[in-house]
Amino acid sequence: MTIQESYFAQNLKYATDLGSAYTVSAGNPMPTITLTGDGWTATLTNVSAGQTCAVFMGSTPARPATKEGAPACEESGSATVTP
């Protein structure tokens, strides 16, 4: 989230590709970032861990995240959300 907010402060817009400014832990893919009317959402699925995680800024939630700025994960096929 800090990288997105820093990018916004410098460019007055959010980015869909953070390039080399953002790295992920081994075994995780880069997140899919989607711009919304007032912010962004980011989601990623780690197939080997069987989890999908998301975070959002603005008023458009990204499942499993339900609170702005609070990342959340869920196991694939589960309704259980882990903040």
PDB file of N, CA and C in Angstrom:
ATOM      1  N   MET A   1       0.812  -1.176   0.000  1.00  0.00           N
ATOM      2  CA  MET A   1       0.000   0.000   0.000  1.00  0.00           C
ATOM      3  C   MET A   1       0.857   1.242   0.000  1.00  0.00           C
ATOM      4  N   THR A   2       1.959   1.238   0.696  1.00  0.00           N
ATOM      5  CA  THR A   2       2.818   2.410   0.769  1.00  0.00           C
ATOM      6  C   THR A   2       3.345   2.790  -0.605  1.00  0.00           C
ATOM      7  N   ILE A   3       3.687   1.793  -1.421  1.00  0.00           N
ATOM      8  CA  ILE A   3       4.206   2.084  -2.759  1.00  0.00           C
ATOM      9  C   ILE A   3       3.136   2.771  -3.604  1.00  0.00           C
ATOM     10  N   GLN A   4       1.898   2.287  -3.528  1.00  0.00           N
ATOM     11  CA  GLN A   4       0.815   2.907  -4.291  1.00  0.00           C
ATOM     12  C   GLN A   4       0.606   4.356  -3.847  1.00  0.00           C
ATOM     13  N   GLU A   5       0.593   4.593  -2.552  1.00  0.00           N
ATOM     14  CA  GLU A   5       0.361   5.941  -2.058  1.00  0.00           C
ATOM     15  C   GLU A   5       1.522   6.874  -2.421  1.00  0.00           C
ATOM     16  N   SER A   6       2.734   6.364  -2.406  1.00  0.00           N
ATOM     17  CA  SER A   6       3.893   7.148  -2.815  1.00  0.00           C
ATOM     18  C   SER A   6       3.800   7.488  -4.305  1.00  0.00           C
ATOM     19  N   TYR A   7       3.424   6.492  -5.121  1.00  0.00           N
ATOM     20  CA  TYR A   7       3.255   6.722  -6.557  1.00  0.00           C
ATOM     21  C   TYR A   7       2.189   7.799  -6.788  1.00  0.00           C
ATOM     22  N   PHE A   8       1.081   7.697  -6.049  1.00  0.00           N
ATOM     23  CA  PHE A   8       0.007   8.675  -6.191  1.00  0.00           C
ATOM     24  C   PHE A   8       0.491  10.082  -5.831  1.00  0.00           C
ATOM     25  N   ALA A   9       1.243  10.201  -4.776  1.00  0.00           N
ATOM     26  CA  ALA A   9       1.746  11.509  -4.345  1.00  0.00           C
ATOM     27  C   ALA A   9       2.643  12.146  -5.409  1.00  0.00           C
ATOM     28  N   GLN A  10       3.377  11.325  -6.134  1.00  0.00           N
ATOM     29  CA  GLN A  10       4.293  11.839  -7.151  1.00  0.00           C
ATOM     30  C   GLN A  10       3.617  12.071  -8.502  1.00  0.00           C
ATOM     31  N   ASN A  11       2.561  11.273  -8.803  1.00  0.00           N
ATOM     32  CA  ASN A  11       1.969  11.299 -10.139  1.00  0.00           C
ATOM     33  C   ASN A  11       0.494  11.700 -10.183  1.00  0.00           C
ATOM     34  N   LEU A  12      -0.120  11.878  -9.013  1.00  0.00           N
ATOM     35  CA  LEU A  12      -1.534  12.222  -8.894  1.00  0.00           C
ATOM     36  C   LEU A  12      -2.453  11.199  -9.547  1.00  0.00           C
ATOM     37  N   LYS A  13      -2.004   9.965  -9.567  1.00  0.00           N
ATOM     38  CA  LYS A  13      -2.815   8.839 -10.034  1.00  0.00           C
ATOM     39  C   LYS A  13      -2.209   7.557  -9.472  1.00  0.00           C
ATOM     40  N   TYR A  14      -3.004   6.489  -9.456  1.00  0.00           N
ATOM     41  CA  TYR A  14      -2.513   5.198  -9.001  1.00  0.00           C
ATOM     42  C   TYR A  14      -1.956   4.422 -10.176  1.00  0.00           C
ATOM     43  N   ALA A  15      -1.182   3.369  -9.894  1.00  0.00           N
ATOM     44  CA  ALA A  15      -0.545   2.566 -10.938  1.00  0.00           C
ATOM     45  C   ALA A  15      -1.138   1.160 -10.982  1.00  0.00           C
ATOM     46  N   THR A  16      -1.188   0.580 -12.175  1.00  0.00           N
ATOM     47  CA  THR A  16      -1.585  -0.817 -12.298  1.00  0.00           C
ATOM     48  C   THR A  16      -0.367  -1.730 -12.357  1.00  0.00           C
ATOM     49  N   ASP A  17       0.803  -1.149 -12.599  1.00  0.00           N
ATOM     50  CA  ASP A  17       2.042  -1.916 -12.663  1.00  0.00           C
ATOM     51  C   ASP A  17       3.093  -1.167 -11.854  1.00  0.00           C
ATOM     52  N   LEU A  18       3.508  -1.753 -10.750  1.00  0.00           N
ATOM     53  CA  LEU A  18       4.493  -1.107  -9.884  1.00  0.00           C
ATOM     54  C   LEU A  18       5.921  -1.429 -10.274  1.00  0.00           C
ATOM     55  N   GLY A  19       6.089  -2.261 -11.286  1.00  0.00           N
ATOM     56  CA  GLY A  19       7.414  -2.579 -11.803  1.00  0.00           C
ATOM     57  C   GLY A  19       8.350  -3.110 -10.736  1.00  0.00           C
ATOM     58  N   SER A  20       9.595  -2.706 -10.804  1.00  0.00           N
ATOM     59  CA  SER A  20      10.606  -3.215  -9.877  1.00  0.00           C
ATOM     60  C   SER A  20      10.506  -2.583  -8.493  1.00  0.00           C
ATOM     61  N   ALA A  21       9.591  -1.629  -8.315  1.00  0.00           N
ATOM     62  CA  ALA A  21       9.412  -1.005  -6.998  1.00  0.00           C
ATOM     63  C   ALA A  21       8.752  -1.960  -6.014  1.00  0.00           C
ATOM     64  N   TYR A  22       8.189  -3.049  -6.528  1.00  0.00           N
ATOM     65  CA  TYR A  22       7.442  -3.982  -5.683  1.00  0.00           C
ATOM     66  C   TYR A  22       7.932  -5.397  -5.932  1.00  0.00           C
ATOM     67  N   THR A  23       8.220  -6.121  -4.859  1.00  0.00           N
ATOM     68  CA  THR A  23       8.614  -7.523  -4.989  1.00  0.00           C
ATOM     69  C   THR A  23       7.714  -8.375  -4.105  1.00  0.00           C
ATOM     70  N   VAL A  24       7.612  -9.647  -4.453  1.00  0.00           N
ATOM     71  CA  VAL A  24       6.786 -10.575  -3.679  1.00  0.00           C
ATOM     72  C   VAL A  24       7.668 -11.674  -3.096  1.00  0.00           C
ATOM     73  N   SER A  25       7.161 -12.332  -2.082  1.00  0.00           N
ATOM     74  CA  SER A  25       7.876 -13.449  -1.481  1.00  0.00           C
ATOM     75  C   SER A  25       7.944 -14.609  -2.468  1.00  0.00           C
ATOM     76  N   ALA A  26       8.955 -15.455  -2.320  1.00  0.00           N
ATOM     77  CA  ALA A  26       9.111 -16.616  -3.191  1.00  0.00           C
ATOM     78  C   ALA A  26       7.829 -17.445  -3.210  1.00  0.00           C
ATOM     79  N   GLY A  27       7.429 -17.868  -4.396  1.00  0.00           N
ATOM     80  CA  GLY A  27       6.244 -18.702  -4.548  1.00  0.00           C
ATOM     81  C   GLY A  27       4.958 -17.925  -4.759  1.00  0.00           C
ATOM     82  N   ASN A  28       5.014 -16.602  -4.639  1.00  0.00           N
ATOM     83  CA  ASN A  28       3.828 -15.775  -4.847  1.00  0.00           C
ATOM     84  C   ASN A  28       3.905 -15.062  -6.186  1.00  0.00           C
ATOM     85  N   PRO A  29       2.778 -14.944  -6.875  1.00  0.00           N
ATOM     86  CA  PRO A  29       2.763 -14.170  -8.117  1.00  0.00           C
ATOM     87  C   PRO A  29       2.645 -12.683  -7.793  1.00  0.00           C
ATOM     88  N   MET A  30       2.894 -11.842  -8.773  1.00  0.00           N
ATOM     89  CA  MET A  30       2.641 -10.413  -8.606  1.00  0.00           C
ATOM     90  C   MET A  30       1.135 -10.225  -8.462  1.00  0.00           C
ATOM     91  N   PRO A  31       0.692  -9.258  -7.685  1.00  0.00           N
ATOM     92  CA  PRO A  31      -0.748  -9.033  -7.544  1.00  0.00           C
ATOM     93  C   PRO A  31      -1.345  -8.439  -8.816  1.00  0.00           C
ATOM     94  N   THR A  32      -2.632  -8.683  -8.988  1.00  0.00           N
ATOM     95  CA  THR A  32      -3.384  -8.030 -10.045  1.00  0.00           C
ATOM     96  C   THR A  32      -3.946  -6.741  -9.447  1.00  0.00           C
ATOM     97  N   ILE A  33      -3.555  -5.609 -10.001  1.00  0.00           N
ATOM     98  CA  ILE A  33      -3.995  -4.311  -9.496  1.00  0.00           C
ATOM     99  C   ILE A  33      -5.025  -3.739 -10.462  1.00  0.00           C
ATOM    100  N   THR A  34      -6.161  -3.358  -9.900  1.00  0.00           N
ATOM    101  CA  THR A  34      -7.240  -2.766 -10.688  1.00  0.00           C
ATOM    102  C   THR A  34      -7.546  -1.388 -10.135  1.00  0.00           C
ATOM    103  N   LEU A  35      -7.571  -0.404 -11.015  1.00  0.00           N
ATOM    104  CA  LEU A  35      -7.907   0.950 -10.591  1.00  0.00           C
ATOM    105  C   LEU A  35      -9.421   1.085 -10.508  1.00  0.00           C
ATOM    106  N   THR A  36      -9.897   1.796  -9.496  1.00  0.00           N
ATOM    107  CA  THR A  36     -11.327   2.056  -9.320  1.00  0.00           C
ATOM    108  C   THR A  36     -11.550   3.565  -9.376  1.00  0.00           C
ATOM    109  N   GLY A  37     -12.785   3.983  -9.281  1.00  0.00           N
ATOM    110  CA  GLY A  37     -13.091   5.407  -9.366  1.00  0.00           C
ATOM    111  C   GLY A  37     -12.416   6.251  -8.307  1.00  0.00           C
ATOM    112  N   ASP A  38     -12.182   5.671  -7.123  1.00  0.00           N
ATOM    113  CA  ASP A  38     -11.582   6.449  -6.041  1.00  0.00           C
ATOM    114  C   ASP A  38     -10.433   5.719  -5.353  1.00  0.00           C
ATOM    115  N   GLY A  39      -9.787   4.802  -6.047  1.00  0.00           N
ATOM    116  CA  GLY A  39      -8.674   4.071  -5.434  1.00  0.00           C
ATOM    117  C   GLY A  39      -8.222   2.899  -6.281  1.00  0.00           C
ATOM    118  N   TRP A  40      -7.977   1.770  -5.614  1.00  0.00           N
ATOM    119  CA  TRP A  40      -7.474   0.587  -6.305  1.00  0.00           C
ATOM    120  C   TRP A  40      -7.759  -0.667  -5.494  1.00  0.00           C
ATOM    121  N   THR A  41      -7.684  -1.821  -6.169  1.00  0.00           N
ATOM    122  CA  THR A  41      -7.753  -3.118  -5.503  1.00  0.00           C
ATOM    123  C   THR A  41      -6.535  -3.929  -5.946  1.00  0.00           C
ATOM    124  N   ALA A  42      -6.077  -4.810  -5.083  1.00  0.00           N
ATOM    125  CA  ALA A  42      -4.977  -5.709  -5.418  1.00  0.00           C
ATOM    126  C   ALA A  42      -5.324  -7.099  -4.906  1.00  0.00           C
ATOM    127  N   THR A  43      -5.211  -8.097  -5.766  1.00  0.00           N
ATOM    128  CA  THR A  43      -5.481  -9.475  -5.382  1.00  0.00           C
ATOM    129  C   THR A  43      -4.373 -10.376  -5.912  1.00  0.00           C
ATOM    130  N   LEU A  44      -4.148 -11.462  -5.198  1.00  0.00           N
ATOM    131  CA  LEU A  44      -3.239 -12.490  -5.693  1.00  0.00           C
ATOM    132  C   LEU A  44      -3.674 -13.830  -5.132  1.00  0.00           C
ATOM    133  N   THR A  45      -3.395 -14.864  -5.905  1.00  0.00           N
ATOM    134  CA  THR A  45      -3.708 -16.228  -5.479  1.00  0.00           C
ATOM    135  C   THR A  45      -2.434 -17.042  -5.484  1.00  0.00           C
ATOM    136  N   ASN A  46      -2.134 -17.656  -4.356  1.00  0.00           N
ATOM    137  CA  ASN A  46      -0.995 -18.555  -4.246  1.00  0.00           C
ATOM    138  C   ASN A  46      -1.551 -19.968  -4.352  1.00  0.00           C
ATOM    139  N   VAL A  47      -1.357 -20.589  -5.507  1.00  0.00           N
ATOM    140  CA  VAL A  47      -1.925 -21.904  -5.771  1.00  0.00           C
ATOM    141  C   VAL A  47      -1.364 -22.951  -4.816  1.00  0.00           C
ATOM    142  N   SER A  48      -0.064 -22.918  -4.546  1.00  0.00           N
ATOM    143  CA  SER A  48       0.533 -23.941  -3.676  1.00  0.00           C
ATOM    144  C   SER A  48       0.036 -23.822  -2.243  1.00  0.00           C
ATOM    145  N   ALA A  49      -0.254 -22.610  -1.778  1.00  0.00           N
ATOM    146  CA  ALA A  49      -0.785 -22.419  -0.423  1.00  0.00           C
ATOM    147  C   ALA A  49      -2.305 -22.536  -0.404  1.00  0.00           C
ATOM    148  N   GLY A  50      -2.917 -22.456  -1.589  1.00  0.00           N
ATOM    149  CA  GLY A  50      -4.368 -22.553  -1.664  1.00  0.00           C
ATOM    150  C   GLY A  50      -5.080 -21.346  -1.079  1.00  0.00           C
ATOM    151  N   GLN A  51      -4.461 -20.163  -1.211  1.00  0.00           N
ATOM    152  CA  GLN A  51      -5.043 -18.954  -0.640  1.00  0.00           C
ATOM    153  C   GLN A  51      -5.160 -17.842  -1.672  1.00  0.00           C
ATOM    154  N   THR A  52      -6.210 -17.041  -1.505  1.00  0.00           N
ATOM    155  CA  THR A  52      -6.374 -15.808  -2.256  1.00  0.00           C
ATOM    156  C   THR A  52      -6.342 -14.679  -1.241  1.00  0.00           C
ATOM    157  N   CYS A  53      -5.555 -13.648  -1.540  1.00  0.00           N
ATOM    158  CA  CYS A  53      -5.437 -12.498  -0.644  1.00  0.00           C
ATOM    159  C   CYS A  53      -5.763 -11.225  -1.412  1.00  0.00           C
ATOM    160  N   ALA A  54      -6.280 -10.233  -0.700  1.00  0.00           N
ATOM    161  CA  ALA A  54      -6.635  -8.969  -1.341  1.00  0.00           C
ATOM    162  C   ALA A  54      -6.530  -7.825  -0.355  1.00  0.00           C
ATOM    163  N   VAL A  55      -6.421  -6.623  -0.916  1.00  0.00           N
ATOM    164  CA  VAL A  55      -6.449  -5.380  -0.158  1.00  0.00           C
ATOM    165  C   VAL A  55      -7.022  -4.324  -1.096  1.00  0.00           C
ATOM    166  N   PHE A  56      -7.651  -3.304  -0.537  1.00  0.00           N
ATOM    167  CA  PHE A  56      -8.176  -2.233  -1.379  1.00  0.00           C
ATOM    168  C   PHE A  56      -8.081  -0.895  -0.674  1.00  0.00           C
ATOM    169  N   MET A  57      -8.036   0.153  -1.469  1.00  0.00           N
ATOM    170  CA  MET A  57      -8.116   1.529  -0.988  1.00  0.00           C
ATOM    171  C   MET A  57      -9.221   2.187  -1.790  1.00  0.00           C
ATOM    172  N   GLY A  58     -10.106   2.894  -1.104  1.00  0.00           N
ATOM    173  CA  GLY A  58     -11.258   3.496  -1.760  1.00  0.00           C
ATOM    174  C   GLY A  58     -12.520   2.801  -1.286  1.00  0.00           C
ATOM    175  N   SER A  59     -13.576   2.929  -2.073  1.00  0.00           N
ATOM    176  CA  SER A  59     -14.873   2.377  -1.653  1.00  0.00           C
ATOM    177  C   SER A  59     -15.242   1.064  -2.321  1.00  0.00           C
ATOM    178  N   THR A  60     -14.359   0.506  -3.156  1.00  0.00           N
ATOM    179  CA  THR A  60     -14.650  -0.740  -3.856  1.00  0.00           C
ATOM    180  C   THR A  60     -13.900  -1.892  -3.193  1.00  0.00           C
ATOM    181  N   PRO A  61     -14.581  -2.748  -2.417  1.00  0.00           N
ATOM    182  CA  PRO A  61     -13.891  -3.858  -1.761  1.00  0.00           C
ATOM    183  C   PRO A  61     -13.439  -4.924  -2.751  1.00  0.00           C
ATOM    184  N   ALA A  62     -12.443  -5.685  -2.358  1.00  0.00           N
ATOM    185  CA  ALA A  62     -11.930  -6.805  -3.157  1.00  0.00           C
ATOM    186  C   ALA A  62     -11.934  -8.030  -2.258  1.00  0.00           C
ATOM    187  N   ARG A  63     -12.801  -8.967  -2.511  1.00  0.00           N
ATOM    188  CA  ARG A  63     -12.919 -10.156  -1.686  1.00  0.00           C
ATOM    189  C   ARG A  63     -11.599 -10.889  -1.640  1.00  0.00           C
ATOM    190  N   PRO A  64     -11.152 -11.299  -0.487  1.00  0.00           N
ATOM    191  CA  PRO A  64     -11.850 -11.398   0.775  1.00  0.00           C
ATOM    192  C   PRO A  64     -11.721 -10.161   1.675  1.00  0.00           C
ATOM    193  N   ALA A  65     -11.022  -9.120   1.244  1.00  0.00           N
ATOM    194  CA  ALA A  65     -10.885  -7.913   2.077  1.00  0.00           C
ATOM    195  C   ALA A  65     -12.230  -7.192   2.175  1.00  0.00           C
ATOM    196  N   THR A  66     -12.556  -6.754   3.358  1.00  0.00           N
ATOM    197  CA  THR A  66     -13.823  -6.053   3.568  1.00  0.00           C
ATOM    198  C   THR A  66     -13.634  -4.686   4.218  1.00  0.00           C
ATOM    199  N   LYS A  67     -12.415  -4.387   4.693  1.00  0.00           N
ATOM    200  CA  LYS A  67     -12.128  -3.109   5.339  1.00  0.00           C
ATOM    201  C   LYS A  67     -10.995  -2.428   4.579  1.00  0.00           C
ATOM    202  N   GLU A  68     -11.214  -1.188   4.199  1.00  0.00           N
ATOM    203  CA  GLU A  68     -10.221  -0.438   3.432  1.00  0.00           C
ATOM    204  C   GLU A  68      -8.860  -0.448   4.124  1.00  0.00           C
ATOM    205  N   GLY A  69      -7.824  -0.812   3.354  1.00  0.00           N
ATOM    206  CA  GLY A  69      -6.461  -0.798   3.862  1.00  0.00           C
ATOM    207  C   GLY A  69      -6.062  -1.996   4.696  1.00  0.00           C
ATOM    208  N   ALA A  70      -6.987  -2.947   4.897  1.00  0.00           N
ATOM    209  CA  ALA A  70      -6.702  -4.125   5.723  1.00  0.00           C
ATOM    210  C   ALA A  70      -6.635  -5.374   4.836  1.00  0.00           C
ATOM    211  N   PRO A  71      -5.438  -5.888   4.574  1.00  0.00           N
ATOM    212  CA  PRO A  71      -5.320  -7.095   3.762  1.00  0.00           C
ATOM    213  C   PRO A  71      -6.044  -8.273   4.426  1.00  0.00           C
ATOM    214  N   ALA A  72      -6.596  -9.147   3.608  1.00  0.00           N
ATOM    215  CA  ALA A  72      -7.263 -10.346   4.119  1.00  0.00           C
ATOM    216  C   ALA A  72      -7.034 -11.490   3.156  1.00  0.00           C
ATOM    217  N   CYS A  73      -7.018 -12.723   3.681  1.00  0.00           N
ATOM    218  CA  CYS A  73      -6.816 -13.922   2.868  1.00  0.00           C
ATOM    219  C   CYS A  73      -7.901 -14.939   3.199  1.00  0.00           C
ATOM    220  N   GLU A  74      -8.161 -15.818   2.228  1.00  0.00           N
ATOM    221  CA  GLU A  74      -9.060 -16.930   2.461  1.00  0.00           C
ATOM    222  C   GLU A  74      -8.525 -18.138   1.714  1.00  0.00           C
ATOM    223  N   GLU A  75      -8.829 -19.312   2.251  1.00  0.00           N
ATOM    224  CA  GLU A  75      -8.447 -20.535   1.570  1.00  0.00           C
ATOM    225  C   GLU A  75      -9.354 -20.731   0.372  1.00  0.00           C
ATOM    226  N   SER A  76      -8.828 -21.269  -0.710  1.00  0.00           N
ATOM    227  CA  SER A  76      -9.626 -21.507  -1.899  1.00  0.00           C
ATOM    228  C   SER A  76     -10.826 -22.372  -1.571  1.00  0.00           C
ATOM    229  N   GLY A  77     -11.992 -21.934  -2.015  1.00  0.00           N
ATOM    230  CA  GLY A  77     -13.217 -22.679  -1.768  1.00  0.00           C
ATOM    231  C   GLY A  77     -13.777 -22.511  -0.375  1.00  0.00           C
ATOM    232  N   SER A  78     -13.230 -21.564   0.409  1.00  0.00           N
ATOM    233  CA  SER A  78     -13.667 -21.350   1.774  1.00  0.00           C
ATOM    234  C   SER A  78     -14.331 -19.996   1.918  1.00  0.00           C
ATOM    235  N   ALA A  79     -15.205 -19.890   2.885  1.00  0.00           N
ATOM    236  CA  ALA A  79     -15.818 -18.606   3.198  1.00  0.00           C
ATOM    237  C   ALA A  79     -15.140 -17.964   4.404  1.00  0.00           C
ATOM    238  N   THR A  80     -14.106 -18.617   4.949  1.00  0.00           N
ATOM    239  CA  THR A  80     -13.401 -18.118   6.120  1.00  0.00           C
ATOM    240  C   THR A  80     -12.359 -17.092   5.705  1.00  0.00           C
ATOM    241  N   VAL A  81     -12.453 -15.902   6.242  1.00  0.00           N
ATOM    242  CA  VAL A  81     -11.520 -14.825   5.923  1.00  0.00           C
ATOM    243  C   VAL A  81     -10.539 -14.666   7.074  1.00  0.00           C
ATOM    244  N   THR A  82      -9.249 -14.593   6.733  1.00  0.00           N
ATOM    245  CA  THR A  82      -8.204 -14.389   7.719  1.00  0.00           C
ATOM    246  C   THR A  82      -7.645 -12.984   7.561  1.00  0.00           C
ATOM    247  N   PRO A  83      -7.882 -12.095   8.538  1.00  0.00           N
ATOM    248  CA  PRO A  83      -7.330 -10.738   8.430  1.00  0.00           C
ATOM    249  C   PRO A  83      -5.832 -10.734   8.660  1.00  0.00           C
TER     250      PRO A  83
END
